[in-house]
Amino acid sequence: MTVQNLLQHVENILKDKNQPPREIANILKALRMDHPKIYSLEGVESLSEPLAKQIIKAFKEDVPVQYITEMAHFFGLRFYVNPDVLIPRPETEELIYKVIQYVQCSTLQILDIGTGSGCIPITLKTKCDQSTITAIDVSAAAIEVAQKNALDHKADIQFKQLDFLDSKQWGSLEVYDVIISNPPYISPVEKSKMSVSTVRHEPSIALFTAGDPLVFYKKIKDFASDHLSKTGVIFLELNEFNAEETLAIFSDTYDCQLIEDMQGKARILKCHQKINEN
């Protein structure tokens, strides 16, 4: 099967699944440019039959193209991804942009909670090498992916596997000038509103909370009471539908602001210690 024939097969599959034309074009471009065994071929050259069948089967099963190519783009960088980690998303690019604006390449201690692919700390390290960055995740498999990406980008990050929801494990963590997190914040009842590919193939542990969708934010607030420096700042990605509730968790202790994304949705929370005017 030639590359062109494969792309036509995939396009037909996506049309049958009622994917929007623009999304189809983006998927076909990603498949053509990011798949290591397709990129090197001209459109008329043939793929091995097993590979072509594997790719077609994956699209029929709603596997995201990033898992098929094992490649995701984030903030101008390429990251290795597999089903052990979430696919980096544009909303998180906006989060890291705000962090970079704040950090201004100062010498700071930074913590990323729930690092997944490592896209947040690695991007930050490539832009602001002076800071010392620690990244944690409950998943050993995710840590492996993040370490691979850090090696690929020559980013010096300290990775730790620990369960952040277990406060007994916080003893191995230090005091930080910046705490960042894009934590799980979706209630399982919201699954019906999400794309089939996300629910079927992306790691549930990185998407959904067991019950309270705000549990990670409450834990981050508790953690920050002893692990955020006096001049430190917290940056969090939010579920737009719980933005006000998340703000309320922090606002009694911190000065906070909700930041809207490019679509006008409240997707980022920035907090710092309240200034004592007495």
Protein backbone atom coordinates (compact mmCIF):
# COMPACT_ATOMS: atom_id res chain seq x y z
CA MET A 1 0.00 0.00 0.00
CA THR A 2 1.41 3.40 -0.92
CA VAL A 3 1.44 6.30 1.53
CA GLN A 4 -1.16 8.09 -0.58
CA ASN A 5 -3.45 5.06 -0.46
CA LEU A 6 -3.04 4.82 3.29
CA LEU A 7 -3.89 8.49 3.77
CA GLN A 8 -7.00 8.02 1.64
CA HIS A 9 -8.06 5.05 3.76
CA VAL A 10 -7.57 7.05 6.94
CA GLU A 11 -9.45 10.05 5.51
CA ASN A 12 -12.42 7.82 4.67
CA ILE A 13 -12.42 6.35 8.19
CA LEU A 14 -12.41 9.82 9.74
CA LYS A 15 -15.19 11.02 7.45
CA ASP A 16 -17.29 8.02 8.46
CA LYS A 17 -16.75 9.07 12.07
CA ASN A 18 -18.01 12.58 11.20
CA GLN A 19 -14.74 14.31 12.01
CA PRO A 20 -14.70 17.97 10.91
CA PRO A 21 -12.75 18.63 7.68
CA ARG A 22 -10.17 20.81 9.45
CA GLU A 23 -9.53 18.13 12.06
CA ILE A 24 -9.17 15.50 9.33
CA ALA A 25 -6.59 17.67 7.56
CA ASN A 26 -4.62 18.12 10.79
CA ILE A 27 -4.67 14.39 11.53
CA LEU A 28 -3.51 13.47 8.03
CA LYS A 29 -0.71 16.03 8.23
CA ALA A 30 0.40 14.67 11.62
CA LEU A 31 0.38 11.11 10.30
CA ARG A 32 2.36 12.10 7.21
CA MET A 33 4.93 14.27 8.98
CA ASP A 34 5.32 12.68 12.42
CA HIS A 35 5.21 8.94 11.84
CA PRO A 36 8.87 7.86 11.63
CA LYS A 37 8.16 5.11 9.09
CA ILE A 38 6.02 7.30 6.86
CA TYR A 39 7.89 10.62 6.96
CA SER A 40 10.88 9.21 5.05
CA LEU A 41 8.72 7.88 2.23
CA GLU A 42 7.41 9.68 -0.81
CA GLY A 43 3.67 9.46 -1.36
CA VAL A 44 4.03 6.82 -4.06
CA GLU A 45 6.31 4.56 -2.06
CA SER A 46 4.89 1.48 -0.39
CA LEU A 47 4.48 0.74 3.29
CA SER A 48 4.79 -2.75 4.62
CA GLU A 49 1.38 -4.41 4.69
CA PRO A 50 1.49 -5.18 8.45
CA LEU A 51 2.26 -1.53 9.25
CA ALA A 52 -0.51 -0.24 7.00
CA LYS A 53 -3.02 -2.64 8.55
CA GLN A 54 -1.90 -1.66 12.05
CA ILE A 55 -2.41 2.05 11.34
CA ILE A 56 -5.81 1.53 9.72
CA LYS A 57 -6.95 -0.64 12.63
CA ALA A 58 -5.81 2.00 15.12
CA PHE A 59 -7.85 4.74 13.43
CA LYS A 60 -10.89 2.48 13.28
CA GLU A 61 -10.53 2.03 17.07
CA ASP A 62 -10.33 5.81 17.64
CA VAL A 63 -6.70 5.78 18.74
CA PRO A 64 -5.42 9.40 18.76
CA VAL A 65 -2.97 10.13 15.97
CA GLN A 66 -0.37 11.21 18.54
CA TYR A 67 -0.29 7.68 19.96
CA ILE A 68 -0.04 6.23 16.47
CA THR A 69 2.93 8.45 15.59
CA GLU A 70 4.24 8.48 19.19
CA MET A 71 4.74 12.21 18.74
CA ALA A 72 3.01 15.33 20.10
CA HIS A 73 3.82 18.98 19.50
CA PHE A 74 3.90 21.35 22.46
CA PHE A 75 5.19 24.92 22.59
CA GLY A 76 7.26 24.41 19.46
CA LEU A 77 8.86 21.22 20.77
CA ARG A 78 8.27 17.57 19.96
CA PHE A 79 7.49 15.10 22.73
CA TYR A 80 7.36 11.34 22.74
CA VAL A 81 3.95 10.14 23.97
CA ASN A 82 2.25 6.80 24.47
CA PRO A 83 -0.97 5.71 26.23
CA ASP A 84 0.76 6.00 29.63
CA VAL A 85 0.59 9.81 29.43
CA LEU A 86 -1.90 12.46 28.40
CA ILE A 87 -1.45 14.10 25.03
CA PRO A 88 -0.27 17.70 25.63
CA ARG A 89 -2.96 20.23 24.81
CA PRO A 90 -3.09 23.90 23.74
CA GLU A 91 -4.61 24.98 27.06
CA THR A 92 -1.48 23.78 28.81
CA GLU A 93 0.65 25.79 26.38
CA GLU A 94 -1.15 28.86 27.69
CA LEU A 95 -0.39 27.78 31.25
CA ILE A 96 3.33 27.38 30.57
CA TYR A 97 3.40 30.72 28.74
CA LYS A 98 2.13 32.44 31.90
CA VAL A 99 4.74 30.62 33.98
CA ILE A 100 7.55 31.66 31.64
CA GLN A 101 6.36 35.26 31.81
CA TYR A 102 6.53 35.11 35.59
CA VAL A 103 9.80 33.21 35.96
CA GLN A 104 11.71 35.48 33.56
CA CYS A 105 14.60 33.01 33.73
CA SER A 106 15.28 33.73 37.40
CA THR A 107 17.04 31.26 39.65
CA LEU A 108 14.04 29.59 41.28
CA GLN A 109 12.98 26.27 42.76
CA ILE A 110 10.04 24.94 40.74
CA LEU A 111 7.75 21.93 41.24
CA ASP A 112 5.46 20.36 38.63
CA ILE A 113 2.77 18.11 40.14
CA GLY A 114 1.47 15.35 37.86
CA THR A 115 4.06 15.75 35.12
CA GLY A 116 2.88 13.07 32.67
CA SER A 117 4.96 13.40 29.51
CA GLY A 118 7.10 16.05 31.19
CA CYS A 119 6.02 18.70 28.70
CA ILE A 120 5.62 21.42 31.36
CA PRO A 121 8.98 21.17 33.17
CA ILE A 122 10.96 20.34 30.04
CA THR A 123 9.54 23.28 28.11
CA LEU A 124 10.22 25.55 31.05
CA LYS A 125 13.78 24.25 31.40
CA THR A 126 14.52 24.77 27.69
CA LYS A 127 13.33 28.37 27.99
CA CYS A 128 14.72 29.18 31.45
CA ASP A 129 17.70 26.99 32.26
CA GLN A 130 18.64 28.81 35.47
CA SER A 131 15.78 27.36 37.52
CA THR A 132 15.94 24.05 39.39
CA ILE A 133 12.91 21.96 38.48
CA THR A 134 11.42 18.91 40.17
CA ALA A 135 8.59 16.94 38.55
CA ILE A 136 6.45 14.27 40.21
CA ASP A 137 3.90 11.72 39.09
CA VAL A 138 2.15 8.73 40.65
CA SER A 139 2.74 6.64 37.53
CA ALA A 140 6.11 4.93 37.09
CA ALA A 141 5.33 4.49 33.39
CA ALA A 142 4.69 8.22 33.01
CA ILE A 143 7.97 9.02 34.75
CA GLU A 144 9.76 6.80 32.22
CA VAL A 145 8.19 8.74 29.34
CA ALA A 146 9.08 12.08 30.95
CA GLN A 147 12.68 10.97 31.53
CA LYS A 148 12.99 9.96 27.89
CA ASN A 149 11.71 13.37 26.79
CA ALA A 150 14.05 15.16 29.18
CA LEU A 151 16.98 13.21 27.75
CA ASP A 152 15.89 13.99 24.20
CA HIS A 153 15.73 17.72 25.01
CA LYS A 154 18.84 17.72 27.22
CA ALA A 155 16.75 19.12 30.08
CA ASP A 156 18.07 18.60 33.59
CA ILE A 157 14.93 17.76 35.58
CA GLN A 158 14.67 15.85 38.86
CA PHE A 159 11.85 13.30 38.51
CA LYS A 160 10.20 11.57 41.45
CA GLN A 161 7.50 8.93 41.54
CA LEU A 162 5.11 9.53 44.42
CA ASP A 163 1.41 9.66 45.19
CA PHE A 164 0.72 13.34 45.78
CA LEU A 165 -2.66 12.62 47.36
CA ASP A 166 -0.83 10.80 50.17
CA SER A 167 0.50 13.65 52.31
CA LYS A 168 2.82 11.23 54.12
CA GLN A 169 4.93 11.21 50.94
CA TRP A 170 5.46 14.98 50.92
CA GLY A 171 8.50 14.68 53.18
CA SER A 172 10.79 14.09 50.20
CA LEU A 173 9.75 17.41 48.66
CA GLU A 174 11.23 20.82 49.44
CA VAL A 175 10.08 24.44 49.56
CA TYR A 176 9.40 25.90 46.12
CA ASP A 177 9.16 29.35 44.57
CA VAL A 178 6.76 28.15 41.90
CA ILE A 179 4.27 25.27 42.10
CA ILE A 180 2.67 24.24 38.81
CA SER A 181 0.05 21.62 38.14
CA ASN A 182 -2.33 20.40 35.48
CA PRO A 183 -3.94 17.80 37.75
CA PRO A 184 -6.80 15.37 37.12
CA TYR A 185 -9.94 17.49 37.43
CA ILE A 186 -12.72 15.68 35.59
CA SER A 187 -15.50 13.85 37.39
CA PRO A 188 -16.32 10.40 35.96
CA VAL A 189 -19.88 11.59 35.33
CA GLU A 190 -18.50 13.90 32.62
CA LYS A 191 -17.25 11.01 30.47
CA SER A 192 -20.31 11.13 28.23
CA LYS A 193 -19.38 14.69 27.19
CA MET A 194 -15.84 13.78 26.16
CA SER A 195 -14.43 12.49 22.90
CA VAL A 196 -14.41 8.73 22.38
CA SER A 197 -10.68 8.71 21.65
CA THR A 198 -9.85 10.45 24.93
CA VAL A 199 -12.02 8.23 27.10
CA ARG A 200 -10.94 4.99 25.43
CA HIS A 201 -7.23 5.59 25.08
CA GLU A 202 -5.83 8.32 27.32
CA PRO A 203 -4.89 7.31 30.89
CA SER A 204 -7.88 7.59 33.20
CA ILE A 205 -5.66 8.25 36.20
CA ALA A 206 -4.47 11.49 34.58
CA LEU A 207 -7.96 12.65 33.62
CA PHE A 208 -10.45 11.59 36.26
CA THR A 209 -10.70 11.87 40.01
CA ALA A 210 -12.24 9.04 41.99
CA GLY A 211 -14.97 11.29 43.37
CA ASP A 212 -14.40 14.93 44.26
CA PRO A 213 -13.14 16.67 41.08
CA LEU A 214 -11.42 19.30 43.25
CA VAL A 215 -9.49 16.89 45.45
CA PHE A 216 -6.10 17.69 43.88
CA TYR A 217 -6.62 21.44 44.31
CA LYS A 218 -7.44 20.97 47.98
CA LYS A 219 -4.30 18.87 48.43
CA ILE A 220 -2.19 21.42 46.57
CA LYS A 221 -3.44 24.14 48.92
CA ASP A 222 -2.55 21.99 51.95
CA PHE A 223 0.85 21.20 50.46
CA ALA A 224 1.59 24.84 49.70
CA SER A 225 1.09 25.86 53.32
CA ASP A 226 4.47 24.30 54.15
CA HIS A 227 6.10 23.98 50.72
CA LEU A 228 5.55 27.35 49.03
CA SER A 229 8.08 30.09 49.75
CA LYS A 230 6.84 33.37 51.21
CA THR A 231 7.17 35.07 47.82
CA GLY A 232 6.11 31.97 45.89
CA VAL A 233 3.42 31.60 43.24
CA ILE A 234 1.03 28.79 42.30
CA PHE A 235 -0.07 28.22 38.69
CA LEU A 236 -2.87 25.73 38.07
CA GLU A 237 -4.78 24.59 35.02
CA LEU A 238 -8.52 24.41 35.67
CA ASN A 239 -11.71 22.85 34.51
CA GLU A 240 -13.60 25.89 33.24
CA PHE A 241 -16.81 24.53 34.81
CA ASN A 242 -15.22 24.44 38.29
CA ALA A 243 -13.17 27.62 38.04
CA GLU A 244 -15.04 29.61 40.68
CA GLU A 245 -15.12 26.65 43.08
CA THR A 246 -11.37 26.19 42.64
CA LEU A 247 -10.77 29.88 43.24
CA ALA A 248 -12.77 29.63 46.47
CA ILE A 249 -10.46 26.90 47.78
CA PHE A 250 -7.45 29.21 47.66
CA SER A 251 -8.87 32.71 48.08
CA ASP A 252 -9.11 32.66 51.88
CA THR A 253 -5.34 32.15 52.13
CA TYR A 254 -3.94 33.56 48.89
CA ASP A 255 -4.41 36.49 46.55
CA CYS A 256 -5.60 34.81 43.36
CA GLN A 257 -6.76 35.63 39.87
CA LEU A 258 -8.54 33.57 37.26
CA ILE A 259 -6.93 33.90 33.85
CA GLU A 260 -8.93 33.32 30.68
CA ASP A 261 -7.57 31.38 27.74
CA MET A 262 -7.75 32.52 24.11
CA GLN A 263 -11.35 31.28 23.94
CA GLY A 264 -12.34 33.45 26.90
CA LYS A 265 -12.65 30.51 29.28
CA ALA A 266 -11.28 30.62 32.84
CA ARG A 267 -8.60 27.94 32.57
CA ILE A 268 -5.70 29.15 34.73
CA LEU A 269 -5.50 30.09 38.40
CA LYS A 270 -2.56 32.14 39.67
CA CYS A 271 -2.11 32.59 43.42
CA HIS A 272 0.46 34.11 45.74
CA GLN A 273 0.72 34.74 49.47
CA LYS A 274 -1.44 37.56 50.78
CA ILE A 275 0.50 40.66 51.73
CA ASN A 276 0.25 41.47 55.41
CA GLU A 277 -0.41 45.18 55.58
CA ASN A 278 -0.21 45.39 59.39
